């Protein structure tokens, strides 16, 4: 499932109100992930400093192709269209597989999310729902019962399903509050685009309206907005209709082994998440509007749609990784994850294939404020005999704060499983329809790290994927001694107690280390 944070999971979104940011311009606040600690007092990536002092007007020897395996990308976005990868061996829209790679008209990437009729899909079950449904349909004594469906996996699926069901019920209750409150306020104000502030200006002797306004005052005190309530209402409906619904089977009977399944609908029904991810890497930082991508003119985006609203299928992920490797990607960004992976062997083999072919894979750590050393977040590289020799990085999220709130409260962590941290709280980037928005999540932290990797690699093309990985780790800003709040807890610990590399990616330091490495 996409791992951008929503308020129902991690508490309400927080604005950038730290003292160090108050002195910055609006553009600097929005793009704080580009800033430098010494100059701006913010633990950003120091990308601005790198451009200003070292890169200046120089062009990289080559562009790095970054495959975005995600919900889709709006390739015509005003701030992205300059940096979209093009398959030069494919003639657009001629209905022919010109380069014989198995995919027809794959000019800018591919969409793996289709049903048996070839129609794009948007929603999927949770993996736990799919697993439990299979267990209900099949008899363990029959040959049709999957070998991977162990008692341990069933237990884990039941736990995840029940927790999600409980969460759905809580959101549904708040959704009921929203619908009752909303209808009352709309009737009194005569419009549907009101704010809580406008509602509280209402005067009424009606007891029902008075109760509604009392609820609004309480919600406002706790920082809950109308948009938050609406999101909870809509999300609870998605849980009921799609995520947890045993009768919802969007890909029943689908043949995942069919070569070239899918189409070239790079955007799909909702490309908000993937477009935001893409912008953090390559949004044009040299124009006078929009966002400022880390790698801007140094990277090209290959759009691979394989992440639905729900849990992604292992087969789609594996196929997308292999497509990226086979078609020239240098970096693969994967801003998604889940707690169960029944076909993980396929994904593991694809990740190994990426390493064998000198491709760096960057994965989001997840937004459950959990220790990934204890709770699995798939995919990962834990299957490898020596993970250090895998060109694979798992990224946690940091904030603009320089105090104990440095690590995002939603971020997963782990001394073994999480390699680095990167800005992932309230970061500004592109969304569909030529719009922009700040989002939070390890989904955002991963592409920031991918952007730093692409920028360094583009100017030092002789580096290998493993060298780029090592440079990112070794050059990151070491904050191991710093006391931080342990995600999901009030406990304060040394950063190094929850992360082996208690560091934040640093483009400037990485660039200088790369220069020394190749000289």
Protein backbone atom coordinates (compact mmCIF):
# COMPACT_ATOMS: atom_id res chain seq x y z
CA UNK A 1 0.00 0.00 0.00
CA UNK A 2 1.19 3.53 -0.66
CA UNK A 3 2.97 4.90 2.35
CA UNK A 4 2.17 8.58 2.41
CA UNK A 5 0.85 9.41 5.84
CA UNK A 6 -2.83 10.07 6.46
CA UNK A 7 -4.07 11.59 9.68
CA UNK A 8 -6.03 8.53 10.75
CA UNK A 9 -2.79 6.59 11.17
CA UNK A 10 -0.31 8.96 12.73
CA UNK A 11 -2.09 11.91 14.23
CA UNK A 12 -2.96 15.11 12.48
CA UNK A 13 -0.64 16.75 9.99
CA UNK A 14 1.64 19.35 11.52
CA UNK A 15 2.75 22.54 9.80
CA UNK A 16 6.35 23.74 9.72
CA UNK A 17 6.38 26.01 12.73
CA UNK A 18 9.87 25.49 14.12
CA UNK A 19 11.90 28.53 15.08
CA UNK A 20 14.53 27.87 12.43
CA UNK A 21 11.93 27.93 9.66
CA UNK A 22 10.27 31.18 10.71
CA UNK A 23 13.13 33.17 9.19
CA UNK A 24 12.85 31.47 5.81
CA UNK A 25 10.85 32.52 2.78
CA UNK A 26 7.73 30.60 1.77
CA UNK A 27 9.63 28.80 -1.01
CA UNK A 28 12.42 27.83 1.39
CA UNK A 29 9.92 26.48 3.91
CA UNK A 30 8.19 24.42 1.25
CA UNK A 31 11.49 23.08 -0.06
CA UNK A 32 13.23 22.72 3.31
CA UNK A 33 14.53 19.29 2.30
CA UNK A 34 17.04 21.10 0.02
CA UNK A 35 18.48 23.21 2.84
CA UNK A 36 21.73 22.96 4.82
CA UNK A 37 22.11 22.81 8.58
CA UNK A 38 25.06 25.15 8.96
CA UNK A 39 23.59 27.82 6.71
CA UNK A 40 19.86 27.38 7.30
CA UNK A 41 19.74 25.57 10.66
CA UNK A 42 17.63 22.80 9.14
CA UNK A 43 18.69 19.18 8.64
CA UNK A 44 17.93 19.09 4.93
CA UNK A 45 20.02 17.39 2.26
CA UNK A 46 22.28 20.41 1.55
CA UNK A 47 21.30 20.14 -2.14
CA UNK A 48 20.96 23.92 -2.51
CA UNK A 49 24.49 24.37 -1.20
CA UNK A 50 25.78 21.80 -3.68
CA UNK A 51 24.14 23.54 -6.63
CA UNK A 52 25.25 26.96 -5.47
CA UNK A 53 28.90 26.17 -4.69
CA UNK A 54 29.86 23.20 -6.85
CA UNK A 55 27.47 22.34 -9.66
CA UNK A 56 26.50 25.88 -10.62
CA UNK A 57 25.70 25.89 -14.35
CA UNK A 58 27.48 22.67 -15.24
CA UNK A 59 25.70 19.77 -16.90
CA UNK A 60 26.11 16.16 -15.75
CA UNK A 61 27.99 13.73 -18.03
CA UNK A 62 24.84 11.62 -18.20
CA UNK A 63 21.29 11.50 -16.82
CA UNK A 64 20.30 8.84 -14.34
CA UNK A 65 17.09 6.95 -15.08
CA UNK A 66 14.98 6.58 -11.93
CA UNK A 67 12.14 4.10 -12.19
CA UNK A 68 9.20 5.10 -9.99
CA UNK A 69 7.21 1.97 -9.07
CA UNK A 70 4.12 3.61 -7.70
CA UNK A 71 0.46 4.55 -8.29
CA UNK A 72 1.22 6.32 -11.58
CA UNK A 73 2.83 9.57 -12.71
CA UNK A 74 1.32 12.55 -14.54
CA UNK A 75 4.03 12.76 -17.18
CA UNK A 76 2.62 15.98 -18.69
CA UNK A 77 2.87 17.94 -15.44
CA UNK A 78 4.35 21.39 -16.06
CA UNK A 79 7.16 20.77 -13.59
CA UNK A 80 7.94 17.20 -14.66
CA UNK A 81 7.59 16.89 -18.42
CA UNK A 82 11.20 18.00 -18.99
CA UNK A 83 12.45 14.98 -17.04
CA UNK A 84 10.42 12.00 -18.26
CA UNK A 85 12.32 9.00 -19.62
CA UNK A 86 11.64 8.06 -23.23
CA UNK A 87 12.20 4.64 -24.72
CA UNK A 88 13.87 5.77 -27.94
CA UNK A 89 13.51 2.32 -29.50
CA UNK A 90 9.73 2.40 -29.30
CA UNK A 91 7.48 4.29 -31.74
CA UNK A 92 4.59 5.85 -29.86
CA UNK A 93 1.06 4.52 -30.32
CA UNK A 94 1.67 2.37 -33.40
CA UNK A 95 0.42 -0.77 -31.68
CA UNK A 96 3.72 -2.57 -32.32
CA UNK A 97 6.39 -3.81 -29.92
CA UNK A 98 9.15 -2.05 -31.86
CA UNK A 99 12.00 -2.95 -29.50
CA UNK A 100 10.78 -6.54 -28.91
CA UNK A 101 10.89 -6.21 -25.15
CA UNK A 102 7.42 -7.73 -24.73
CA UNK A 103 5.61 -4.44 -24.11
CA UNK A 104 3.67 -2.62 -26.83
CA UNK A 105 4.08 1.19 -27.01
CA UNK A 106 5.96 1.44 -23.71
CA UNK A 107 7.38 4.86 -24.51
CA UNK A 108 7.65 6.23 -20.95
CA UNK A 109 7.21 3.12 -18.80
CA UNK A 110 4.35 0.70 -18.16
CA UNK A 111 1.13 0.12 -16.23
CA UNK A 112 0.83 -3.34 -14.67
CA UNK A 113 -2.45 -2.63 -12.85
CA UNK A 114 -5.14 -4.10 -15.09
CA UNK A 115 -7.84 -6.73 -14.67
CA UNK A 116 -8.54 -9.75 -16.89
CA UNK A 117 -10.29 -7.52 -19.45
CA UNK A 118 -7.31 -5.13 -19.61
CA UNK A 119 -9.13 -2.36 -17.76
CA UNK A 120 -7.11 -0.21 -15.35
CA UNK A 121 -7.78 -0.92 -11.69
CA UNK A 122 -7.46 1.52 -8.81
CA UNK A 123 -8.40 -0.42 -5.69
CA UNK A 124 -7.21 -3.69 -4.20
CA UNK A 125 -7.65 -5.77 -1.04
CA UNK A 126 -5.17 -5.79 1.77
CA UNK A 127 -2.83 -8.75 1.41
CA UNK A 128 -4.30 -10.15 4.64
CA UNK A 129 -7.75 -10.17 3.03
CA UNK A 130 -6.48 -12.06 -0.02
CA UNK A 131 -4.68 -14.62 2.16
CA UNK A 132 -7.67 -15.25 4.43
CA UNK A 133 -9.98 -15.56 1.44
CA UNK A 134 -7.72 -18.22 -0.11
CA UNK A 135 -7.62 -20.13 3.17
CA UNK A 136 -11.43 -20.11 3.38
CA UNK A 137 -11.88 -21.34 -0.19
CA UNK A 138 -9.24 -24.08 -0.23
CA UNK A 139 -8.88 -27.20 1.86
CA UNK A 140 -5.39 -27.67 3.34
CA UNK A 141 -5.53 -31.33 2.28
CA UNK A 142 -6.10 -30.45 -1.39
CA UNK A 143 -3.35 -29.99 -3.95
CA UNK A 144 -4.78 -26.55 -4.72
CA UNK A 145 -3.79 -25.26 -1.27
CA UNK A 146 -0.75 -22.93 -1.74
CA UNK A 147 2.48 -24.24 -0.26
CA UNK A 148 3.35 -20.78 1.05
CA UNK A 149 0.16 -20.56 3.12
CA UNK A 150 1.56 -21.63 6.48
CA UNK A 151 -0.10 -21.52 9.86
CA UNK A 152 2.22 -18.66 10.79
CA UNK A 153 1.12 -16.63 7.78
CA UNK A 154 -2.55 -17.26 8.55
CA UNK A 155 -2.01 -16.08 12.11
CA UNK A 156 -0.28 -12.93 10.90
CA UNK A 157 -3.00 -12.29 8.31
CA UNK A 158 -5.72 -12.65 10.93
CA UNK A 159 -3.92 -10.21 13.22
CA UNK A 160 -3.48 -7.61 10.48
CA UNK A 161 -7.06 -8.03 9.27
CA UNK A 162 -8.53 -7.67 12.75
CA UNK A 163 -6.42 -4.60 13.52
CA UNK A 164 -7.49 -3.01 10.23
CA UNK A 165 -11.11 -3.87 10.93
CA UNK A 166 -10.89 -2.22 14.34
CA UNK A 167 -9.32 0.85 12.78
CA UNK A 168 -12.08 0.96 10.19
CA UNK A 169 -14.74 0.95 12.92
CA UNK A 170 -13.04 3.84 14.74
CA UNK A 171 -12.81 5.85 11.54
CA UNK A 172 -16.40 4.99 10.72
CA UNK A 173 -17.56 6.42 14.05
CA UNK A 174 -15.74 9.65 13.33
CA UNK A 175 -17.18 9.52 9.84
CA UNK A 176 -20.68 9.38 11.32
CA UNK A 177 -19.84 12.47 13.36
CA UNK A 178 -18.69 14.15 10.17
CA UNK A 179 -21.83 13.38 8.16
CA UNK A 180 -24.22 14.49 10.93
CA UNK A 181 -22.21 17.61 11.68
CA UNK A 182 -21.74 18.46 8.02
CA UNK A 183 -25.41 18.27 7.10
CA UNK A 184 -26.42 20.45 10.06
CA UNK A 185 -23.85 23.15 9.35
CA UNK A 186 -24.55 23.19 5.62
CA UNK A 187 -28.26 23.63 6.28
CA UNK A 188 -27.58 26.60 8.57
CA UNK A 189 -24.96 28.30 6.42
CA UNK A 190 -26.53 27.51 3.08
CA UNK A 191 -23.23 26.39 1.51
CA UNK A 192 -20.99 23.33 1.46
CA UNK A 193 -17.53 24.92 1.38
CA UNK A 194 -17.48 26.25 4.94
CA UNK A 195 -14.66 26.23 7.50
CA UNK A 196 -14.89 25.48 11.21
CA UNK A 197 -14.23 29.16 11.89
CA UNK A 198 -17.28 30.11 9.82
CA UNK A 199 -19.39 27.47 11.56
CA UNK A 200 -18.48 28.82 14.98
CA UNK A 201 -19.77 32.25 13.99
CA UNK A 202 -23.25 30.77 13.63
CA UNK A 203 -25.92 31.72 16.16
CA UNK A 204 -28.71 29.26 16.80
CA UNK A 205 -31.20 28.40 19.53
CA UNK A 206 -31.72 24.92 18.10
CA UNK A 207 -30.42 22.31 20.57
CA UNK A 208 -29.13 19.98 17.84
CA UNK A 209 -27.16 22.81 16.25
CA UNK A 210 -25.76 23.86 19.64
CA UNK A 211 -24.48 20.31 20.21
CA UNK A 212 -22.90 20.29 16.77
CA UNK A 213 -21.12 23.57 17.45
CA UNK A 214 -19.89 22.22 20.78
CA UNK A 215 -18.34 19.27 18.91
CA UNK A 216 -16.76 21.67 16.40
CA UNK A 217 -15.18 23.70 19.24
CA UNK A 218 -13.71 20.54 20.76
CA UNK A 219 -12.36 19.33 17.45
CA UNK A 220 -10.82 22.74 16.77
CA UNK A 221 -9.06 22.69 20.16
CA UNK A 222 -7.43 19.37 19.23
CA UNK A 223 -6.44 20.66 15.80
CA UNK A 224 -8.87 18.44 13.90
CA UNK A 225 -10.08 20.03 10.69
CA UNK A 226 -13.11 19.37 8.54
CA UNK A 227 -10.76 17.92 5.92
CA UNK A 228 -9.39 15.46 8.51
CA UNK A 229 -12.88 14.23 9.34
CA UNK A 230 -13.79 13.94 5.68
CA UNK A 231 -10.63 11.92 5.02
CA UNK A 232 -11.48 9.53 7.86
CA UNK A 233 -14.99 9.12 6.49
CA UNK A 234 -13.74 8.38 2.98
CA UNK A 235 -10.98 6.05 4.20
CA UNK A 236 -13.38 4.02 6.35
CA UNK A 237 -15.51 3.52 3.24
CA UNK A 238 -12.46 2.27 1.32
CA UNK A 239 -11.72 -0.24 4.07
CA UNK A 240 -15.28 -1.54 3.94
CA UNK A 241 -15.68 -1.60 0.14
CA UNK A 242 -12.19 -2.62 -0.94
CA UNK A 243 -9.43 -3.33 1.58
CA UNK A 244 -11.31 -5.74 3.85
CA UNK A 245 -14.08 -6.91 1.55
CA UNK A 246 -13.79 -10.66 0.80
CA UNK A 247 -16.25 -10.26 -2.07
CA UNK A 248 -14.16 -7.62 -3.83
CA UNK A 249 -11.95 -9.54 -6.28
CA UNK A 250 -10.66 -7.11 -8.92
CA UNK A 251 -8.19 -9.58 -10.46
CA UNK A 252 -9.78 -12.95 -9.97
CA UNK A 253 -8.37 -15.44 -12.47
CA UNK A 254 -5.65 -13.05 -13.63
CA UNK A 255 -2.62 -14.58 -15.39
CA UNK A 256 0.42 -12.82 -13.92
CA UNK A 257 2.76 -14.98 -16.02
CA UNK A 258 1.46 -13.55 -19.27
CA UNK A 259 4.28 -11.59 -20.87
CA UNK A 260 3.50 -7.93 -21.43
CA UNK A 261 0.21 -7.75 -19.55
CA UNK A 262 -0.95 -4.19 -18.90
CA UNK A 263 -0.81 -1.01 -20.98
CA UNK A 264 0.89 2.36 -21.28
CA UNK A 265 -1.52 4.32 -19.08
CA UNK A 266 1.24 5.87 -17.01
CA UNK A 267 -1.06 7.97 -14.85
CA UNK A 268 -3.95 5.62 -14.09
CA UNK A 269 -7.06 6.65 -12.12
CA UNK A 270 -5.18 8.44 -9.31
CA UNK A 271 -1.54 9.43 -9.71
CA UNK A 272 -1.30 11.77 -6.71
CA UNK A 273 1.16 9.64 -4.77
CA UNK A 274 3.43 8.72 -7.69
CA UNK A 275 3.46 12.24 -9.10
CA UNK A 276 4.49 13.64 -5.71
CA UNK A 277 7.27 11.05 -5.47
CA UNK A 278 8.50 11.90 -8.97
CA UNK A 279 8.58 15.64 -8.26
CA UNK A 280 10.86 15.23 -5.26
CA UNK A 281 13.43 13.75 -7.62
CA UNK A 282 13.13 15.75 -10.81
CA UNK A 283 10.76 18.74 -10.48
CA UNK A 284 12.38 21.63 -12.37
CA UNK A 285 14.34 23.65 -9.83
CA UNK A 286 15.44 26.23 -12.41
CA UNK A 287 12.05 27.73 -13.27
CA UNK A 288 10.26 30.41 -11.26
CA UNK A 289 7.38 28.29 -9.97
CA UNK A 290 6.49 24.99 -8.35
CA UNK A 291 8.71 22.54 -6.51
CA UNK A 292 12.47 22.01 -6.47
CA UNK A 293 13.46 18.43 -7.22
CA UNK A 294 16.75 17.20 -5.82
CA UNK A 295 18.08 15.87 -9.12
CA UNK A 296 16.13 18.11 -11.56
CA UNK A 297 18.21 18.07 -14.78
CA UNK A 298 20.29 15.09 -13.61
CA UNK A 299 17.52 12.47 -13.68
CA UNK A 300 14.76 11.08 -15.87
CA UNK A 301 11.63 9.39 -14.52
CA UNK A 302 10.51 5.99 -15.81
CA UNK A 303 6.84 5.64 -14.80
CA UNK A 304 5.87 2.15 -13.66
CA UNK A 305 2.37 1.76 -12.27
CA UNK A 306 2.17 -1.23 -9.92
CA UNK A 307 0.85 0.14 -6.61
CA UNK A 308 -2.93 0.27 -6.18
CA UNK A 309 -5.00 1.87 -3.43
CA UNK A 310 -4.70 -1.21 -1.24
CA UNK A 311 -1.84 -3.71 -1.03
CA UNK A 312 0.31 -4.25 -4.09
CA UNK A 313 0.70 -7.70 -5.63
CA UNK A 314 4.11 -9.33 -5.35
CA UNK A 315 3.91 -10.44 -8.98
CA UNK A 316 3.38 -6.85 -10.19
CA UNK A 317 6.26 -5.58 -8.07
CA UNK A 318 8.63 -8.28 -9.32
CA UNK A 319 7.64 -7.66 -12.93
CA UNK A 320 8.04 -3.90 -12.52
CA UNK A 321 11.53 -4.30 -11.02
CA UNK A 322 12.59 -6.54 -13.90
CA UNK A 323 11.11 -4.16 -16.46
CA UNK A 324 13.08 -1.28 -14.90
CA UNK A 325 16.34 -3.23 -14.94
CA UNK A 326 15.89 -4.54 -18.48
CA UNK A 327 14.99 -1.14 -19.90
CA UNK A 328 17.85 0.93 -18.55
CA UNK A 329 16.90 2.16 -15.08
CA UNK A 330 19.82 3.01 -12.80
CA UNK A 331 17.75 3.55 -9.65
CA UNK A 332 14.40 2.07 -8.64
CA UNK A 333 12.33 3.98 -6.09
CA UNK A 334 9.75 1.91 -4.18
CA UNK A 335 7.55 4.01 -1.90
CA UNK A 336 5.22 1.26 -0.74
CA UNK A 337 5.21 -1.69 1.63
CA UNK A 338 3.13 -4.27 3.46
CA UNK A 339 3.38 -6.70 6.36
CA UNK A 340 2.78 -9.90 4.40
CA UNK A 341 4.36 -11.09 1.16
CA UNK A 342 3.16 -14.56 0.07
CA UNK A 343 5.12 -14.49 -3.19
CA UNK A 344 8.16 -12.77 -1.71
CA UNK A 345 10.47 -15.18 -3.50
CA UNK A 346 9.58 -13.53 -6.82
CA UNK A 347 10.35 -10.08 -5.41
CA UNK A 348 13.56 -11.25 -3.76
CA UNK A 349 14.78 -12.71 -7.04
CA UNK A 350 13.97 -9.44 -8.82
CA UNK A 351 15.88 -7.43 -6.20
CA UNK A 352 18.87 -9.75 -6.62
CA UNK A 353 18.55 -9.26 -10.38
CA UNK A 354 18.76 -5.51 -9.85
CA UNK A 355 21.94 -5.88 -7.80
CA UNK A 356 23.47 -8.18 -10.42
CA UNK A 357 22.79 -5.54 -13.07
CA UNK A 358 24.20 -2.56 -11.19
CA UNK A 359 20.84 -1.00 -10.27
CA UNK A 360 20.24 0.69 -6.90
CA UNK A 361 16.89 -0.04 -5.22
CA UNK A 362 15.58 2.50 -2.66
CA UNK A 363 12.65 1.46 -0.47
CA UNK A 364 10.50 3.35 2.04
CA UNK A 365 10.72 2.01 5.61
CA UNK A 366 6.99 2.36 6.35
CA UNK A 367 4.78 4.60 8.45
CA UNK A 368 3.71 2.43 11.39
CA UNK A 369 6.26 3.78 13.92
CA UNK A 370 7.49 0.20 14.34
CA UNK A 371 10.87 -1.48 14.59
CA UNK A 372 11.47 -3.17 11.24
CA UNK A 373 13.93 -5.51 12.93
CA UNK A 374 10.97 -7.01 14.79
CA UNK A 375 8.02 -6.41 12.45
CA UNK A 376 8.46 -7.28 8.77
CA UNK A 377 7.93 -4.60 6.13
CA UNK A 378 8.06 -6.07 2.64
CA UNK A 379 9.89 -5.93 0.37
CA UNK A 380 13.26 -5.93 2.12
CA UNK A 381 16.71 -7.43 1.64
CA UNK A 382 16.66 -9.65 4.73
CA UNK A 383 16.72 -12.72 2.47
CA UNK A 384 20.29 -11.96 1.34
CA UNK A 385 23.26 -13.85 2.78
CA UNK A 386 25.08 -10.53 3.04
CA UNK A 387 22.73 -7.53 2.75
CA UNK A 388 25.74 -5.20 2.58
CA UNK A 389 26.46 -6.57 -0.88
CA UNK A 390 22.94 -5.85 -2.08
CA UNK A 391 22.45 -2.52 -3.85
CA UNK A 392 19.41 -1.88 -1.69
CA UNK A 393 18.60 0.91 0.77
CA UNK A 394 15.70 1.27 3.22
CA UNK A 395 14.90 4.86 4.18
CA UNK A 396 13.21 6.27 7.30
CA UNK A 397 11.76 9.79 7.54
CA UNK A 398 13.15 12.85 9.29
CA UNK A 399 11.53 16.23 9.93
CA UNK A 400 12.59 19.87 9.75
CA UNK A 401 12.98 19.90 13.54
CA UNK A 402 16.45 19.94 15.03
CA UNK A 403 15.32 18.88 18.51
CA UNK A 404 13.91 15.63 19.88
CA UNK A 405 11.27 15.63 17.11
CA UNK A 406 13.94 15.16 14.45
CA UNK A 407 12.64 11.70 13.51
CA UNK A 408 9.11 11.70 12.15
CA UNK A 409 6.74 10.21 14.71
CA UNK A 410 5.21 7.94 12.06
CA UNK A 411 8.48 6.56 10.69
CA UNK A 412 9.56 2.95 11.05
CA UNK A 413 13.12 2.41 12.27
CA UNK A 414 15.55 -0.44 13.00
CA UNK A 415 19.25 -0.91 13.57
CA UNK A 416 19.44 -3.74 11.04
CA UNK A 417 16.65 -3.06 8.56
CA UNK A 418 16.64 0.74 8.12
CA UNK A 419 19.79 2.08 6.47
CA UNK A 420 19.33 5.85 6.50
CA UNK A 421 16.93 8.68 7.19
CA UNK A 422 15.89 11.41 4.81
CA UNK A 423 13.49 14.40 4.88
CA UNK A 424 9.94 13.06 4.73
CA UNK A 425 7.71 15.37 6.75
CA UNK A 426 5.67 18.09 5.06
CA UNK A 427 7.72 18.10 1.86
CA UNK A 428 6.42 20.07 -1.11
CA UNK A 429 6.10 18.49 -4.53
CA UNK A 430 4.01 17.96 -7.64
CA UNK A 431 0.54 16.40 -7.81
CA UNK A 432 -1.76 15.89 -10.83
CA UNK A 433 -3.41 18.72 -12.80
CA UNK A 434 -0.31 20.94 -12.53
CA UNK A 435 -0.88 21.31 -8.81
CA UNK A 436 1.43 21.12 -5.78
CA UNK A 437 1.08 19.91 -2.22
CA UNK A 438 3.03 19.09 0.94
CA UNK A 439 2.80 15.44 2.02
CA UNK A 440 4.41 13.37 4.74
CA UNK A 441 5.64 9.80 4.84
CA UNK A 442 8.61 7.54 4.30
CA UNK A 443 7.13 7.51 0.79
CA UNK A 444 8.54 11.02 0.49
CA UNK A 445 11.81 10.28 2.32
CA UNK A 446 12.72 7.50 -0.15
CA UNK A 447 12.57 9.66 -3.32
CA UNK A 448 14.51 12.43 -1.59
CA UNK A 449 17.25 9.85 -1.03
CA UNK A 450 16.83 8.54 -4.58
CA UNK A 451 17.22 12.11 -5.84
CA UNK A 452 20.45 12.56 -3.90
CA UNK A 453 21.75 9.26 -5.29
CA UNK A 454 20.81 10.26 -8.85
CA UNK A 455 22.46 13.66 -8.52
CA UNK A 456 25.72 12.20 -7.25
CA UNK A 457 25.74 9.37 -9.79
CA UNK A 458 24.96 11.62 -12.77
CA UNK A 459 28.13 13.66 -12.17
CA UNK A 460 30.24 10.58 -11.33
CA UNK A 461 29.01 7.99 -13.85
CA UNK A 462 31.89 5.57 -13.32
CA UNK A 463 30.55 4.70 -9.85
CA UNK A 464 28.78 1.39 -9.31
CA UNK A 465 25.41 1.05 -7.58
CA UNK A 466 27.11 -0.44 -4.52
CA UNK A 467 29.54 2.49 -4.40
CA UNK A 468 26.66 4.97 -4.57
CA UNK A 469 24.95 3.12 -1.73
CA UNK A 470 28.11 3.22 0.38
CA UNK A 471 28.68 6.91 -0.38
CA UNK A 472 25.15 7.80 0.70
CA UNK A 473 25.65 5.96 3.99
CA UNK A 474 29.21 7.14 4.70
CA UNK A 475 28.62 10.81 3.81
CA UNK A 476 25.29 11.23 5.60
CA UNK A 477 25.05 13.72 8.45
CA UNK A 478 25.86 11.69 11.57
CA UNK A 479 23.43 12.46 14.39
CA UNK A 480 23.93 9.28 16.38
CA UNK A 481 24.53 11.02 19.70
CA UNK A 482 21.47 13.22 19.35
CA UNK A 483 18.51 12.49 21.62
CA UNK A 484 15.31 11.91 19.69
CA UNK A 485 11.79 10.80 20.44
CA UNK A 486 11.39 7.14 19.61
CA UNK A 487 8.64 7.00 16.95
CA UNK A 488 5.27 6.12 18.42
CA UNK A 489 6.53 6.74 21.95
CA UNK A 490 7.31 9.49 24.42
CA UNK A 491 10.65 7.87 25.20
CA UNK A 492 13.79 9.82 24.37
CA UNK A 493 16.73 7.77 23.12
CA UNK A 494 20.02 8.34 21.39
CA UNK A 495 19.41 8.24 17.66
CA UNK A 496 22.03 5.48 17.30
CA UNK A 497 19.97 3.25 19.63
CA UNK A 498 17.26 2.86 17.00
CA UNK A 499 19.30 3.08 13.80
CA UNK A 500 22.66 1.61 12.82
CA UNK A 501 23.35 4.58 10.57
CA UNK A 502 21.74 7.32 12.63
CA UNK A 503 22.26 9.78 9.81
CA UNK A 504 20.43 11.95 7.30
CA UNK A 505 21.39 11.90 3.62
CA UNK A 506 23.64 14.76 2.57
CA UNK A 507 23.97 15.62 -1.13
CA UNK A 508 26.87 18.04 -0.68
CA UNK A 509 29.01 15.68 1.43
CA UNK A 510 28.09 12.74 -0.81
CA UNK A 511 29.10 14.64 -3.93
CA UNK A 512 32.49 15.51 -2.45
CA UNK A 513 33.06 11.91 -1.33
CA UNK A 514 32.14 10.67 -4.81
CA UNK A 515 34.64 13.09 -6.31
CA UNK A 516 37.38 11.70 -4.08
CA UNK A 517 36.34 8.14 -4.91
CA UNK A 518 36.65 8.49 -8.67
CA UNK A 519 39.84 10.58 -8.69
